[in-house]
Amino acid sequence: VMDFGTNKGLEIDLSKKCYPYHPGISLEAKKNRALLIGLFEE
């Protein structure tokens, strides 16, 4: 499962880092969120 910044596989740790554009996550997680969100927004 891709890294979205707050997950280990399918398990998601609930925290404010779950906010979609949280500045405090890795560049990889930001890129992966952008892919996921972009596909649905299209």
PDB file of all heavy atoms in Angstrom:
ATOM      1  N   VAL A   1       0.867  -1.180   0.000  1.00  0.00           N
ATOM      2  CA  VAL A   1       0.000   0.000   0.000  1.00  0.00           C
ATOM      3  C   VAL A   1       0.900   1.226   0.000  1.00  0.00           C
ATOM      4  O   VAL A   1       1.900   1.283   0.726  1.00  0.00           O
ATOM      5  CB  VAL A   1      -0.912   0.014   1.246  1.00  0.00           C
ATOM      6  CG1 VAL A   1      -1.805   1.253   1.245  1.00  0.00           C
ATOM      7  CG2 VAL A   1      -1.756  -1.250   1.306  1.00  0.00           C
ATOM      8  N   MET A   2       0.593   2.192  -0.820  1.00  0.00           N
ATOM      9  CA  MET A   2       1.415   3.390  -0.896  1.00  0.00           C
ATOM     10  C   MET A   2       1.415   4.154   0.424  1.00  0.00           C
ATOM     11  O   MET A   2       0.484   4.052   1.228  1.00  0.00           O
ATOM     12  CB  MET A   2       0.922   4.280  -2.042  1.00  0.00           C
ATOM     13  CG  MET A   2       1.128   3.634  -3.412  1.00  0.00           C
ATOM     14  SD  MET A   2       0.368   4.557  -4.776  1.00  0.00           S
ATOM     15  CE  MET A   2       1.389   6.027  -4.824  1.00  0.00           C
ATOM     16  N   ASP A   3       2.464   4.932   0.632  1.00  0.00           N
ATOM     17  CA  ASP A   3       2.627   5.720   1.858  1.00  0.00           C
ATOM     18  C   ASP A   3       1.887   7.054   1.705  1.00  0.00           C
ATOM     19  O   ASP A   3       2.228   7.860   0.838  1.00  0.00           O
ATOM     20  CB  ASP A   3       4.114   5.967   2.116  1.00  0.00           C
ATOM     21  CG  ASP A   3       4.375   6.897   3.287  1.00  0.00           C
ATOM     22  OD1 ASP A   3       3.460   7.091   4.120  1.00  0.00           O
ATOM     23  OD2 ASP A   3       5.498   7.440   3.371  1.00  0.00           O
ATOM     24  N   PHE A   4       0.890   7.251   2.570  1.00  0.00           N
ATOM     25  CA  PHE A   4       0.124   8.504   2.536  1.00  0.00           C
ATOM     26  C   PHE A   4       0.384   9.375   3.775  1.00  0.00           C
ATOM     27  O   PHE A   4      -0.338  10.324   4.031  1.00  0.00           O
ATOM     28  CB  PHE A   4      -1.363   8.209   2.395  1.00  0.00           C
ATOM     29  CG  PHE A   4      -1.719   7.615   1.055  1.00  0.00           C
ATOM     30  CD1 PHE A   4      -1.781   6.241   0.882  1.00  0.00           C
ATOM     31  CD2 PHE A   4      -1.948   8.428  -0.041  1.00  0.00           C
ATOM     32  CE1 PHE A   4      -2.080   5.685  -0.355  1.00  0.00           C
ATOM     33  CE2 PHE A   4      -2.246   7.889  -1.282  1.00  0.00           C
ATOM     34  CZ  PHE A   4      -2.310   6.512  -1.446  1.00  0.00           C
ATOM     35  N   GLY A   5       1.405   9.007   4.524  1.00  0.00           N
ATOM     36  CA  GLY A   5       1.827   9.875   5.623  1.00  0.00           C
ATOM     37  C   GLY A   5       1.340   9.505   6.999  1.00  0.00           C
ATOM     38  O   GLY A   5       1.956   9.890   7.997  1.00  0.00           O
ATOM     39  N   THR A   6       0.227   8.772   7.079  1.00  0.00           N
ATOM     40  CA  THR A   6      -0.279   8.379   8.411  1.00  0.00           C
ATOM     41  C   THR A   6      -0.657   6.899   8.446  1.00  0.00           C
ATOM     42  O   THR A   6      -1.256   6.447   9.417  1.00  0.00           O
ATOM     43  CB  THR A   6      -1.539   9.192   8.794  1.00  0.00           C
ATOM     44  OG1 THR A   6      -2.608   8.855   7.898  1.00  0.00           O
ATOM     45  CG2 THR A   6      -1.286  10.683   8.761  1.00  0.00           C
ATOM     46  N   ASN A   7      -0.326   6.180   7.384  1.00  0.00           N
ATOM     47  CA  ASN A   7      -0.751   4.774   7.326  1.00  0.00           C
ATOM     48  C   ASN A   7       0.433   3.810   7.354  1.00  0.00           C
ATOM     49  O   ASN A   7       1.530   4.121   6.901  1.00  0.00           O
ATOM     50  CB  ASN A   7      -1.563   4.523   6.055  1.00  0.00           C
ATOM     51  CG  ASN A   7      -0.744   4.690   4.787  1.00  0.00           C
ATOM     52  OD1 ASN A   7      -0.118   5.733   4.571  1.00  0.00           O
ATOM     53  ND2 ASN A   7      -0.731   3.670   3.946  1.00  0.00           N
ATOM     54  N   LYS A   8       0.178   2.640   7.913  1.00  0.00           N
ATOM     55  CA  LYS A   8       1.088   1.498   7.780  1.00  0.00           C
ATOM     56  C   LYS A   8       0.262   0.427   7.099  1.00  0.00           C
ATOM     57  O   LYS A   8      -0.551  -0.244   7.731  1.00  0.00           O
ATOM     58  CB  LYS A   8       1.572   1.031   9.151  1.00  0.00           C
ATOM     59  CG  LYS A   8       2.521   2.009   9.826  1.00  0.00           C
ATOM     60  CD  LYS A   8       3.011   1.476  11.165  1.00  0.00           C
ATOM     61  CE  LYS A   8       3.968   2.482  11.819  1.00  0.00           C
ATOM     62  NZ  LYS A   8       4.436   1.999  13.155  1.00  0.00           N
ATOM     63  N   GLY A   9       0.439   0.314   5.784  1.00  0.00           N
ATOM     64  CA  GLY A   9      -0.431  -0.556   5.021  1.00  0.00           C
ATOM     65  C   GLY A   9      -1.839   0.017   5.043  1.00  0.00           C
ATOM     66  O   GLY A   9      -2.052   1.199   4.758  1.00  0.00           O
ATOM     67  N   LEU A  10      -2.796  -0.811   5.427  1.00  0.00           N
ATOM     68  CA  LEU A  10      -4.198  -0.380   5.469  1.00  0.00           C
ATOM     69  C   LEU A  10      -4.561   0.305   6.782  1.00  0.00           C
ATOM     70  O   LEU A  10      -5.636   0.909   6.888  1.00  0.00           O
ATOM     71  CB  LEU A  10      -5.117  -1.590   5.257  1.00  0.00           C
ATOM     72  CG  LEU A  10      -5.030  -2.256   3.879  1.00  0.00           C
ATOM     73  CD1 LEU A  10      -5.847  -3.538   3.866  1.00  0.00           C
ATOM     74  CD2 LEU A  10      -5.498  -1.312   2.781  1.00  0.00           C
ATOM     75  N   GLU A  11      -3.693   0.222   7.767  1.00  0.00           N
ATOM     76  CA  GLU A  11      -3.984   0.804   9.080  1.00  0.00           C
ATOM     77  C   GLU A  11      -3.626   2.284   9.088  1.00  0.00           C
ATOM     78  O   GLU A  11      -2.475   2.665   8.836  1.00  0.00           O
ATOM     79  CB  GLU A  11      -3.202   0.075  10.174  1.00  0.00           C
ATOM     80  CG  GLU A  11      -3.503   0.530  11.585  1.00  0.00           C
ATOM     81  CD  GLU A  11      -4.917   0.212  12.042  1.00  0.00           C
ATOM     82  OE1 GLU A  11      -5.488  -0.774  11.549  1.00  0.00           O
ATOM     83  OE2 GLU A  11      -5.441   0.958  12.893  1.00  0.00           O
ATOM     84  N   ILE A  12      -4.616   3.122   9.385  1.00  0.00           N
ATOM     85  CA  ILE A  12      -4.399   4.574   9.411  1.00  0.00           C
ATOM     86  C   ILE A  12      -4.404   5.077  10.845  1.00  0.00           C
ATOM     87  O   ILE A  12      -5.332   4.801  11.605  1.00  0.00           O
ATOM     88  CB  ILE A  12      -5.472   5.310   8.591  1.00  0.00           C
ATOM     89  CG1 ILE A  12      -5.353   4.945   7.108  1.00  0.00           C
ATOM     90  CG2 ILE A  12      -5.349   6.829   8.763  1.00  0.00           C
ATOM     91  CD1 ILE A  12      -6.416   5.566   6.225  1.00  0.00           C
ATOM     92  N   ASP A  13      -3.362   5.805  11.209  1.00  0.00           N
ATOM     93  CA  ASP A  13      -3.276   6.424  12.529  1.00  0.00           C
ATOM     94  C   ASP A  13      -4.002   7.770  12.465  1.00  0.00           C
ATOM     95  O   ASP A  13      -3.603   8.658  11.707  1.00  0.00           O
ATOM     96  CB  ASP A  13      -1.803   6.617  12.919  1.00  0.00           C
ATOM     97  CG  ASP A  13      -1.643   7.193  14.319  1.00  0.00           C
ATOM     98  OD1 ASP A  13      -2.532   6.949  15.173  1.00  0.00           O
ATOM     99  OD2 ASP A  13      -0.647   7.899  14.566  1.00  0.00           O
ATOM    100  N   LEU A  14      -5.070   7.899  13.238  1.00  0.00           N
ATOM    101  CA  LEU A  14      -5.863   9.128  13.203  1.00  0.00           C
ATOM    102  C   LEU A  14      -5.167  10.259  13.951  1.00  0.00           C
ATOM    103  O   LEU A  14      -4.933  10.173  15.146  1.00  0.00           O
ATOM    104  CB  LEU A  14      -7.252   8.869  13.803  1.00  0.00           C
ATOM    105  CG  LEU A  14      -8.110   7.816  13.097  1.00  0.00           C
ATOM    106  CD1 LEU A  14      -9.461   7.694  13.787  1.00  0.00           C
ATOM    107  CD2 LEU A  14      -8.285   8.151  11.623  1.00  0.00           C
ATOM    108  N   SER A  15      -4.843  11.303  13.220  1.00  0.00           N
ATOM    109  CA  SER A  15      -4.222  12.493  13.804  1.00  0.00           C
ATOM    110  C   SER A  15      -4.448  13.641  12.834  1.00  0.00           C
ATOM    111  O   SER A  15      -4.994  13.450  11.734  1.00  0.00           O
ATOM    112  CB  SER A  15      -2.716  12.284  14.013  1.00  0.00           C
ATOM    113  OG  SER A  15      -2.040  12.283  12.766  1.00  0.00           O
ATOM    114  N   LYS A  16      -4.018  14.824  13.213  1.00  0.00           N
ATOM    115  CA  LYS A  16      -4.211  15.975  12.335  1.00  0.00           C
ATOM    116  C   LYS A  16      -3.404  15.870  11.049  1.00  0.00           C
ATOM    117  O   LYS A  16      -3.680  16.570  10.068  1.00  0.00           O
ATOM    118  CB  LYS A  16      -3.892  17.273  13.079  1.00  0.00           C
ATOM    119  CG  LYS A  16      -4.883  17.554  14.205  1.00  0.00           C
ATOM    120  CD  LYS A  16      -4.677  18.910  14.841  1.00  0.00           C
ATOM    121  CE  LYS A  16      -5.719  19.158  15.934  1.00  0.00           C
ATOM    122  NZ  LYS A  16      -5.625  20.520  16.515  1.00  0.00           N
ATOM    123  N   LYS A  17      -2.429  14.956  11.024  1.00  0.00           N
ATOM    124  CA  LYS A  17      -1.678  14.730   9.791  1.00  0.00           C
ATOM    125  C   LYS A  17      -2.550  14.078   8.719  1.00  0.00           C
ATOM    126  O   LYS A  17      -2.140  13.971   7.557  1.00  0.00           O
ATOM    127  CB  LYS A  17      -0.432  13.883  10.059  1.00  0.00           C
ATOM    128  CG  LYS A  17       0.681  14.656  10.760  1.00  0.00           C
ATOM    129  CD  LYS A  17       1.966  13.839  10.835  1.00  0.00           C
ATOM    130  CE  LYS A  17       3.088  14.676  11.451  1.00  0.00           C
ATOM    131  NZ  LYS A  17       4.356  13.911  11.510  1.00  0.00           N
ATOM    132  N   CYS A  18      -3.745  13.646   9.102  1.00  0.00           N
ATOM    133  CA  CYS A  18      -4.698  13.116   8.115  1.00  0.00           C
ATOM    134  C   CYS A  18      -5.334  14.224   7.294  1.00  0.00           C
ATOM    135  O   CYS A  18      -5.941  13.938   6.250  1.00  0.00           O
ATOM    136  CB  CYS A  18      -5.799  12.312   8.816  1.00  0.00           C
ATOM    137  SG  CYS A  18      -5.221  10.788   9.589  1.00  0.00           S
ATOM    138  N   TYR A  19      -5.235  15.485   7.741  1.00  0.00           N
ATOM    139  CA  TYR A  19      -5.766  16.579   6.942  1.00  0.00           C
ATOM    140  C   TYR A  19      -5.053  16.547   5.588  1.00  0.00           C
ATOM    141  O   TYR A  19      -3.811  16.459   5.540  1.00  0.00           O
ATOM    142  CB  TYR A  19      -5.532  17.921   7.632  1.00  0.00           C
ATOM    143  CG  TYR A  19      -6.214  18.094   8.986  1.00  0.00           C
ATOM    144  CD1 TYR A  19      -6.006  19.236   9.749  1.00  0.00           C
ATOM    145  CD2 TYR A  19      -7.060  17.112   9.505  1.00  0.00           C
ATOM    146  CE1 TYR A  19      -6.636  19.412  10.983  1.00  0.00           C
ATOM    147  CE2 TYR A  19      -7.682  17.281  10.737  1.00  0.00           C
ATOM    148  CZ  TYR A  19      -7.468  18.432  11.472  1.00  0.00           C
ATOM    149  OH  TYR A  19      -8.081  18.594  12.692  1.00  0.00           O
ATOM    150  N   PRO A  20      -5.777  16.573   4.481  1.00  0.00           N
ATOM    151  CA  PRO A  20      -5.214  16.259   3.157  1.00  0.00           C
ATOM    152  C   PRO A  20      -3.923  16.966   2.761  1.00  0.00           C
ATOM    153  O   PRO A  20      -3.051  16.359   2.149  1.00  0.00           O
ATOM    154  CB  PRO A  20      -6.357  16.632   2.212  1.00  0.00           C
ATOM    155  CG  PRO A  20      -7.585  16.379   3.013  1.00  0.00           C
ATOM    156  CD  PRO A  20      -7.235  16.815   4.408  1.00  0.00           C
ATOM    157  N   TYR A  21      -3.797  18.257   3.099  1.00  0.00           N
ATOM    158  CA  TYR A  21      -2.612  19.004   2.655  1.00  0.00           C
ATOM    159  C   TYR A  21      -1.728  19.414   3.837  1.00  0.00           C
ATOM    160  O   TYR A  21      -1.091  20.467   3.811  1.00  0.00           O
ATOM    161  CB  TYR A  21      -3.052  20.223   1.832  1.00  0.00           C
ATOM    162  CG  TYR A  21      -3.890  19.822   0.646  1.00  0.00           C
ATOM    163  CD1 TYR A  21      -5.279  19.944   0.675  1.00  0.00           C
ATOM    164  CD2 TYR A  21      -3.299  19.283  -0.493  1.00  0.00           C
ATOM    165  CE1 TYR A  21      -6.061  19.541  -0.403  1.00  0.00           C
ATOM    166  CE2 TYR A  21      -4.069  18.881  -1.583  1.00  0.00           C
ATOM    167  CZ  TYR A  21      -5.442  19.012  -1.524  1.00  0.00           C
ATOM    168  OH  TYR A  21      -6.208  18.606  -2.598  1.00  0.00           O
ATOM    169  N   HIS A  22      -1.676  18.555   4.834  1.00  0.00           N
ATOM    170  CA  HIS A  22      -0.866  18.843   6.024  1.00  0.00           C
ATOM    171  C   HIS A  22       0.594  19.048   5.614  1.00  0.00           C
ATOM    172  O   HIS A  22       1.173  18.218   4.898  1.00  0.00           O
ATOM    173  CB  HIS A  22      -0.977  17.685   7.017  1.00  0.00           C
ATOM    174  CG  HIS A  22      -0.485  18.019   8.386  1.00  0.00           C
ATOM    175  ND1 HIS A  22       0.866  18.124   8.682  1.00  0.00           N
ATOM    176  CD2 HIS A  22      -1.148  18.285   9.543  1.00  0.00           C
ATOM    177  CE1 HIS A  22       0.998  18.429   9.968  1.00  0.00           C
ATOM    178  NE2 HIS A  22      -0.193  18.543  10.507  1.00  0.00           N
ATOM    179  N   PRO A  23       1.219  20.159   6.071  1.00  0.00           N
ATOM    180  CA  PRO A  23       2.600  20.452   5.660  1.00  0.00           C
ATOM    181  C   PRO A  23       3.634  19.513   6.274  1.00  0.00           C
ATOM    182  O   PRO A  23       4.766  19.446   5.776  1.00  0.00           O
ATOM    183  CB  PRO A  23       2.828  21.886   6.165  1.00  0.00           C
ATOM    184  CG  PRO A  23       1.501  22.412   6.576  1.00  0.00           C
ATOM    185  CD  PRO A  23       0.641  21.233   6.902  1.00  0.00           C
ATOM    186  N   GLY A  24       3.270  18.808   7.330  1.00  0.00           N
ATOM    187  CA  GLY A  24       4.260  18.048   8.090  1.00  0.00           C
ATOM    188  C   GLY A  24       4.450  16.606   7.681  1.00  0.00           C
ATOM    189  O   GLY A  24       4.945  15.804   8.473  1.00  0.00           O
ATOM    190  N   ILE A  25       4.088  16.246   6.459  1.00  0.00           N
ATOM    191  CA  ILE A  25       4.299  14.881   5.993  1.00  0.00           C
ATOM    192  C   ILE A  25       5.417  14.862   4.947  1.00  0.00           C
ATOM    193  O   ILE A  25       5.828  15.913   4.447  1.00  0.00           O
ATOM    194  CB  ILE A  25       3.013  14.270   5.407  1.00  0.00           C
ATOM    195  CG1 ILE A  25       2.498  15.088   4.212  1.00  0.00           C
ATOM    196  CG2 ILE A  25       1.934  14.160   6.481  1.00  0.00           C
ATOM    197  CD1 ILE A  25       1.321  14.455   3.479  1.00  0.00           C
ATOM    198  N   SER A  26       5.913  13.673   4.619  1.00  0.00           N
ATOM    199  CA  SER A  26       7.040  13.554   3.693  1.00  0.00           C
ATOM    200  C   SER A  26       6.641  13.950   2.277  1.00  0.00           C
ATOM    201  O   SER A  26       5.458  13.963   1.915  1.00  0.00           O
ATOM    202  CB  SER A  26       7.561  12.115   3.691  1.00  0.00           C
ATOM    203  OG  SER A  26       6.617  11.249   3.072  1.00  0.00           O
ATOM    204  N   LEU A  27       7.659  14.226   1.453  1.00  0.00           N
ATOM    205  CA  LEU A  27       7.413  14.579   0.057  1.00  0.00           C
ATOM    206  C   LEU A  27       6.749  13.419  -0.684  1.00  0.00           C
ATOM    207  O   LEU A  27       5.885  13.632  -1.536  1.00  0.00           O
ATOM    208  CB  LEU A  27       8.731  14.949  -0.633  1.00  0.00           C
ATOM    209  CG  LEU A  27       9.362  16.283  -0.217  1.00  0.00           C
ATOM    210  CD1 LEU A  27      10.703  16.470  -0.910  1.00  0.00           C
ATOM    211  CD2 LEU A  27       8.430  17.449  -0.559  1.00  0.00           C
ATOM    212  N   GLU A  28       7.147  12.190  -0.356  1.00  0.00           N
ATOM    213  CA  GLU A  28       6.538  11.021  -0.999  1.00  0.00           C
ATOM    214  C   GLU A  28       5.054  10.930  -0.655  1.00  0.00           C
ATOM    215  O   GLU A  28       4.218  10.688  -1.532  1.00  0.00           O
ATOM    216  CB  GLU A  28       7.243   9.733  -0.557  1.00  0.00           C
ATOM    217  CG  GLU A  28       6.645   8.489  -1.203  1.00  0.00           C
ATOM    218  CD  GLU A  28       7.275   7.193  -0.726  1.00  0.00           C
ATOM    219  OE1 GLU A  28       8.133   7.237   0.167  1.00  0.00           O
ATOM    220  OE2 GLU A  28       6.883   6.129  -1.247  1.00  0.00           O
ATOM    221  N   ALA A  29       4.730  11.145   0.627  1.00  0.00           N
ATOM    222  CA  ALA A  29       3.330  11.093   1.045  1.00  0.00           C
ATOM    223  C   ALA A  29       2.516  12.198   0.371  1.00  0.00           C
ATOM    224  O   ALA A  29       1.374  11.969  -0.046  1.00  0.00           O
ATOM    225  CB  ALA A  29       3.229  11.201   2.570  1.00  0.00           C
ATOM    226  N   LYS A  30       3.100  13.386   0.256  1.00  0.00           N
ATOM    227  CA  LYS A  30       2.404  14.487  -0.429  1.00  0.00           C
ATOM    228  C   LYS A  30       2.131  14.133  -1.888  1.00  0.00           C
ATOM    229  O   LYS A  30       1.037  14.394  -2.416  1.00  0.00           O
ATOM    230  CB  LYS A  30       3.237  15.768  -0.355  1.00  0.00           C
ATOM    231  CG  LYS A  30       3.293  16.398   1.034  1.00  0.00           C
ATOM    232  CD  LYS A  30       4.197  17.631   1.043  1.00  0.00           C
ATOM    233  CE  LYS A  30       4.268  18.231   2.436  1.00  0.00           C
ATOM    234  NZ  LYS A  30       5.186  19.392   2.495  1.00  0.00           N
ATOM    235  N   LYS A  31       3.118  13.522  -2.536  1.00  0.00           N
ATOM    236  CA  LYS A  31       2.972  13.126  -3.934  1.00  0.00           C
ATOM    237  C   LYS A  31       1.870  12.060  -4.079  1.00  0.00           C
ATOM    238  O   LYS A  31       1.039  12.123  -4.992  1.00  0.00           O
ATOM    239  CB  LYS A  31       4.297  12.582  -4.452  1.00  0.00           C
ATOM    240  CG  LYS A  31       4.267  12.149  -5.905  1.00  0.00           C
ATOM    241  CD  LYS A  31       5.638  11.621  -6.332  1.00  0.00           C
ATOM    242  CE  LYS A  31       5.597  11.110  -7.774  1.00  0.00           C
ATOM    243  NZ  LYS A  31       6.918  10.556  -8.199  1.00  0.00           N
ATOM    244  N   ASN A  32       1.855  11.102  -3.158  1.00  0.00           N
ATOM    245  CA  ASN A  32       0.863  10.031  -3.227  1.00  0.00           C
ATOM    246  C   ASN A  32      -0.547  10.540  -2.938  1.00  0.00           C
ATOM    247  O   ASN A  32      -1.511  10.113  -3.578  1.00  0.00           O
ATOM    248  CB  ASN A  32       1.235   8.916  -2.249  1.00  0.00           C
ATOM    249  CG  ASN A  32       2.511   8.200  -2.648  1.00  0.00           C
ATOM    250  OD1 ASN A  32       2.957   8.289  -3.793  1.00  0.00           O
ATOM    251  ND2 ASN A  32       3.122   7.485  -1.707  1.00  0.00           N
ATOM    252  N   ARG A  33      -0.655  11.466  -2.000  1.00  0.00           N
ATOM    253  CA  ARG A  33      -1.972  12.077  -1.737  1.00  0.00           C
ATOM    254  C   ARG A  33      -2.445  12.863  -2.955  1.00  0.00           C
ATOM    255  O   ARG A  33      -3.622  12.824  -3.298  1.00  0.00           O
ATOM    256  CB  ARG A  33      -1.904  12.998  -0.509  1.00  0.00           C
ATOM    257  CG  ARG A  33      -1.779  12.270   0.797  1.00  0.00           C
ATOM    258  CD  ARG A  33      -1.949  13.218   1.975  1.00  0.00           C
ATOM    259  NE  ARG A  33      -1.612  12.569   3.237  1.00  0.00           N
ATOM    260  CZ  ARG A  33      -1.790  13.102   4.440  1.00  0.00           C
ATOM    261  NH1 ARG A  33      -2.316  14.314   4.546  1.00  0.00           N
ATOM    262  NH2 ARG A  33      -1.456  12.448   5.534  1.00  0.00           N
ATOM    263  N   ALA A  34      -1.518  13.576  -3.595  1.00  0.00           N
ATOM    264  CA  ALA A  34      -1.879  14.364  -4.779  1.00  0.00           C
ATOM    265  C   ALA A  34      -2.414  13.456  -5.887  1.00  0.00           C
ATOM    266  O   ALA A  34      -3.371  13.807  -6.587  1.00  0.00           O
ATOM    267  CB  ALA A  34      -0.670  15.158  -5.276  1.00  0.00           C
ATOM    268  N   LEU A  35      -1.813  12.271  -6.033  1.00  0.00           N
ATOM    269  CA  LEU A  35      -2.283  11.313  -7.031  1.00  0.00           C
ATOM    270  C   LEU A  35      -3.689  10.846  -6.700  1.00  0.00           C
ATOM    271  O   LEU A  35      -4.596  10.896  -7.549  1.00  0.00           O
ATOM    272  CB  LEU A  35      -1.339  10.114  -7.092  1.00  0.00           C
ATOM    273  CG  LEU A  35      -1.814   8.926  -7.956  1.00  0.00           C
ATOM    274  CD1 LEU A  35      -1.936   9.338  -9.421  1.00  0.00           C
ATOM    275  CD2 LEU A  35      -0.861   7.741  -7.795  1.00  0.00           C
ATOM    276  N   LEU A  36      -3.896  10.397  -5.471  1.00  0.00           N
ATOM    277  CA  LEU A  36      -5.200   9.880  -5.045  1.00  0.00           C
ATOM    278  C   LEU A  36      -6.284  10.951  -5.156  1.00  0.00           C
ATOM    279  O   LEU A  36      -7.344  10.728  -5.755  1.00  0.00           O
ATOM    280  CB  LEU A  36      -5.097   9.373  -3.597  1.00  0.00           C
ATOM    281  CG  LEU A  36      -6.389   8.854  -2.957  1.00  0.00           C
ATOM    282  CD1 LEU A  36      -6.880   7.598  -3.674  1.00  0.00           C
ATOM    283  CD2 LEU A  36      -6.159   8.569  -1.465  1.00  0.00           C
ATOM    284  N   ILE A  37      -6.018  12.110  -4.581  1.00  0.00           N
ATOM    285  CA  ILE A  37      -7.007  13.192  -4.584  1.00  0.00           C
ATOM    286  C   ILE A  37      -7.282  13.667  -6.010  1.00  0.00           C
ATOM    287  O   ILE A  37      -8.438  13.893  -6.390  1.00  0.00           O
ATOM    288  CB  ILE A  37      -6.531  14.357  -3.693  1.00  0.00           C
ATOM    289  CG1 ILE A  37      -6.497  13.916  -2.222  1.00  0.00           C
ATOM    290  CG2 ILE A  37      -7.443  15.588  -3.866  1.00  0.00           C
ATOM    291  CD1 ILE A  37      -5.779  14.891  -1.293  1.00  0.00           C
ATOM    292  N   GLY A  38      -6.226  13.784  -6.811  1.00  0.00           N
ATOM    293  CA  GLY A  38      -6.389  14.252  -8.184  1.00  0.00           C
ATOM    294  C   GLY A  38      -7.273  13.342  -9.017  1.00  0.00           C
ATOM    295  O   GLY A  38      -8.120  13.814  -9.786  1.00  0.00           O
ATOM    296  N   LEU A  39      -7.107  12.033  -8.857  1.00  0.00           N
ATOM    297  CA  LEU A  39      -7.918  11.080  -9.608  1.00  0.00           C
ATOM    298  C   LEU A  39      -9.402  11.224  -9.283  1.00  0.00           C
ATOM    299  O   LEU A  39     -10.257  11.193 -10.171  1.00  0.00           O
ATOM    300  CB  LEU A  39      -7.454   9.650  -9.312  1.00  0.00           C
ATOM    301  CG  LEU A  39      -6.121   9.234  -9.939  1.00  0.00           C
ATOM    302  CD1 LEU A  39      -5.644   7.914  -9.334  1.00  0.00           C
ATOM    303  CD2 LEU A  39      -6.242   9.119 -11.448  1.00  0.00           C
ATOM    304  N   PHE A  40      -9.708  11.382  -8.006  1.00  0.00           N
ATOM    305  CA  PHE A  40     -11.113  11.515  -7.614  1.00  0.00           C
ATOM    306  C   PHE A  40     -11.669  12.885  -7.986  1.00  0.00           C
ATOM    307  O   PHE A  40     -12.828  12.987  -8.411  1.00  0.00           O
ATOM    308  CB  PHE A  40     -11.271  11.244  -6.114  1.00  0.00           C
ATOM    309  CG  PHE A  40     -11.425   9.785  -5.793  1.00  0.00           C
ATOM    310  CD1 PHE A  40     -10.316   8.976  -5.590  1.00  0.00           C
ATOM    311  CD2 PHE A  40     -12.685   9.198  -5.720  1.00  0.00           C
ATOM    312  CE1 PHE A  40     -10.449   7.625  -5.320  1.00  0.00           C
ATOM    313  CE2 PHE A  40     -12.837   7.851  -5.443  1.00  0.00           C
ATOM    314  CZ  PHE A  40     -11.708   7.052  -5.246  1.00  0.00           C
ATOM    315  N   GLU A  41     -10.867  13.931  -7.857  1.00  0.00           N
ATOM    316  CA  GLU A  41     -11.350  15.258  -8.219  1.00  0.00           C
ATOM    317  C   GLU A  41     -11.625  15.361  -9.722  1.00  0.00           C
ATOM    318  O   GLU A  41     -12.536  16.077 -10.147  1.00  0.00           O
ATOM    319  CB  GLU A  41     -10.348  16.328  -7.772  1.00  0.00           C
ATOM    320  CG  GLU A  41     -10.365  16.537  -6.251  1.00  0.00           C
ATOM    321  CD  GLU A  41      -9.451  17.658  -5.798  1.00  0.00           C
ATOM    322  OE1 GLU A  41      -8.543  18.043  -6.575  1.00  0.00           O
ATOM    323  OE2 GLU A  41      -9.634  18.147  -4.668  1.00  0.00           O
ATOM    324  N   GLU A  42     -10.858  14.642 -10.534  1.00  0.00           N
ATOM    325  CA  GLU A  42     -11.114  14.624 -11.980  1.00  0.00           C
ATOM    326  C   GLU A  42     -12.486  14.036 -12.291  1.00  0.00           C
ATOM    327  O   GLU A  42     -13.073  14.339 -13.340  1.00  0.00           O
ATOM    328  CB  GLU A  42     -10.044  13.793 -12.690  1.00  0.00           C
ATOM    329  CG  GLU A  42      -8.705  14.492 -12.832  1.00  0.00           C
ATOM    330  CD  GLU A  42      -7.638  13.575 -13.412  1.00  0.00           C
ATOM    331  OE1 GLU A  42      -7.981  12.467 -13.897  1.00  0.00           O
ATOM    332  OE2 GLU A  42      -6.459  13.967 -13.385  1.00  0.00           O
TER     333      GLU A  42
END
